[in-house]
Amino acid sequence: MNYLVVACFAFLGGVTRYGISLWLAPTHGFPVATLLVNLVGCFLLAFISHYVGEVSKLPSSVIVGMGTGFVGAMTTFSTFSNETLQMFLHHQYGLAFMYDGISLFGGLLISWTAIWLSRQLVERRRPA
């Protein structure tokens, strides 16, 4: 059952990523779409893991589908790596380091924010 749920969510995540890549073309050689899906994915995975997975009554297969399927298919390390390599090959070193820095530190900050928000929401749900 988990395979089917993950596959369905993966379809939605892949279509979402494709749609975002059509909507946001690279700006001055900067891969805005990949950065956006990866940063949003960082938030979503942390939030799903730390809030949705903790407080929802959803079956575990749906939680796995949301995280592994949707977020896994929407985000892309391979495209990130390829785009960084392409920037290096075109001698766009500053752009490459900026992209990698925003991806890494932005992803960590956004994940931390999602965990913080999850904890706040869990605390609000607890009876006083």
Protein backbone atom coordinates (compact mmCIF):
# COMPACT_ATOMS: atom_id res chain seq x y z
CA MET A 1 0.00 0.00 0.00
CA ASN A 2 2.83 2.43 0.84
CA TYR A 3 4.25 2.06 -2.68
CA LEU A 4 0.99 3.14 -4.27
CA VAL A 5 0.56 6.11 -1.93
CA VAL A 6 4.18 7.21 -2.44
CA ALA A 7 3.76 6.85 -6.22
CA CYS A 8 0.61 8.99 -6.24
CA PHE A 9 2.22 11.72 -4.15
CA ALA A 10 5.41 11.48 -6.25
CA PHE A 11 3.35 12.14 -9.36
CA LEU A 12 1.94 15.29 -7.75
CA GLY A 13 5.39 16.40 -6.58
CA GLY A 14 6.94 15.86 -10.01
CA VAL A 15 4.15 17.76 -11.74
CA THR A 16 4.51 20.57 -9.19
CA ARG A 17 8.24 20.84 -9.84
CA TYR A 18 7.72 20.80 -13.59
CA GLY A 19 5.07 23.52 -13.35
CA ILE A 20 7.32 25.71 -11.22
CA SER A 21 10.20 25.24 -13.67
CA LEU A 22 7.93 26.44 -16.50
CA TRP A 23 6.71 29.38 -14.43
CA LEU A 24 10.12 30.57 -13.19
CA ALA A 25 12.76 30.70 -15.88
CA PRO A 26 16.37 31.28 -14.80
CA THR A 27 17.05 34.95 -14.06
CA HIS A 28 20.44 36.15 -15.34
CA GLY A 29 21.62 32.53 -15.25
CA PHE A 30 20.37 31.99 -11.69
CA PRO A 31 18.19 28.86 -11.29
CA VAL A 32 15.31 30.41 -9.35
CA ALA A 33 12.93 27.47 -9.86
CA THR A 34 15.30 24.86 -8.45
CA LEU A 35 16.18 27.07 -5.51
CA LEU A 36 12.49 27.67 -4.78
CA VAL A 37 11.43 24.01 -4.93
CA ASN A 38 14.37 22.95 -2.78
CA LEU A 39 13.76 25.61 -0.13
CA VAL A 40 10.02 24.94 -0.06
CA GLY A 41 10.83 21.24 0.15
CA CYS A 42 13.05 21.86 3.18
CA PHE A 43 10.17 23.58 4.94
CA LEU A 44 7.59 21.00 3.93
CA LEU A 45 9.62 17.95 4.92
CA ALA A 46 10.47 19.38 8.34
CA PHE A 47 6.86 20.49 8.91
CA ILE A 48 5.41 17.16 7.77
CA SER A 49 7.85 15.27 9.97
CA HIS A 50 7.51 17.43 13.07
CA TYR A 51 3.92 18.57 12.97
CA VAL A 52 1.71 16.69 10.54
CA GLY A 53 3.26 13.36 11.50
CA GLU A 54 2.82 14.11 15.20
CA VAL A 55 -0.68 15.56 15.45
CA SER A 56 -2.65 14.34 12.48
CA LYS A 57 -4.78 11.27 12.43
CA LEU A 58 -3.62 10.48 8.89
CA PRO A 59 -2.40 6.96 8.22
CA SER A 60 1.38 6.57 8.27
CA SER A 61 1.28 5.66 4.57
CA VAL A 62 -0.07 9.14 3.79
CA ILE A 63 2.61 10.81 5.91
CA VAL A 64 5.27 8.77 4.08
CA GLY A 65 3.61 9.62 0.77
CA MET A 66 3.67 13.33 1.57
CA GLY A 67 7.32 13.34 2.65
CA THR A 68 8.99 10.72 0.51
CA GLY A 69 6.61 10.93 -2.44
CA PHE A 70 5.60 14.57 -2.84
CA VAL A 71 8.59 16.35 -1.31
CA GLY A 72 11.06 13.80 -2.67
CA ALA A 73 9.75 14.19 -6.21
CA MET A 74 9.35 17.96 -6.01
CA THR A 75 12.88 18.65 -4.76
CA THR A 76 15.96 17.87 -6.74
CA PHE A 77 19.55 17.47 -5.66
CA SER A 78 20.63 16.24 -9.08
CA THR A 79 19.42 19.38 -10.86
CA PHE A 80 20.97 21.53 -8.13
CA SER A 81 24.31 19.76 -8.63
CA ASN A 82 24.12 19.99 -12.42
CA GLU A 83 23.22 23.69 -12.35
CA THR A 84 26.11 24.41 -9.98
CA LEU A 85 28.49 22.49 -12.25
CA GLN A 86 27.21 24.39 -15.30
CA MET A 87 27.89 27.70 -13.53
CA PHE A 88 31.45 26.58 -12.77
CA LEU A 89 31.99 25.45 -16.36
CA HIS A 90 30.81 28.88 -17.56
CA HIS A 91 33.15 30.58 -15.07
CA GLN A 92 30.24 31.99 -13.05
CA TYR A 93 31.97 31.26 -9.76
CA GLY A 94 30.28 33.99 -7.74
CA LEU A 95 26.86 32.91 -8.94
CA ALA A 96 27.65 29.27 -8.16
CA PHE A 97 28.83 30.02 -4.62
CA MET A 98 25.84 32.28 -4.01
CA TYR A 99 23.46 29.57 -5.27
CA ASP A 100 25.10 26.89 -3.14
CA GLY A 101 25.24 29.14 -0.08
CA ILE A 102 21.60 30.16 -0.32
CA SER A 103 20.61 26.55 -0.93
CA LEU A 104 22.56 25.18 2.03
CA PHE A 105 22.14 27.89 4.64
CA GLY A 106 18.67 28.88 3.45
CA GLY A 107 17.58 25.23 3.56
CA LEU A 108 18.90 24.82 7.10
CA LEU A 109 17.26 28.06 8.25
CA ILE A 110 13.94 27.18 6.62
CA SER A 111 14.01 23.66 8.09
CA TRP A 112 14.76 25.07 11.53
CA THR A 113 11.89 27.55 11.10
CA ALA A 114 9.50 24.73 10.20
CA ILE A 115 10.56 22.76 13.27
CA TRP A 116 10.18 25.84 15.47
CA LEU A 117 6.74 26.55 14.01
CA SER A 118 5.74 22.91 14.48
CA ARG A 119 6.70 23.04 18.15
CA GLN A 120 4.74 26.25 18.63
CA LEU A 121 1.66 24.72 17.04
CA VAL A 122 1.98 21.54 19.10
CA GLU A 123 2.24 23.62 22.29
CA ARG A 124 -0.93 25.53 21.39
CA ARG A 125 -2.80 22.25 20.98
CA ARG A 126 -1.95 21.09 24.50
CA PRO A 127 -4.56 21.78 27.13
CA ALA A 128 -3.55 24.38 29.72
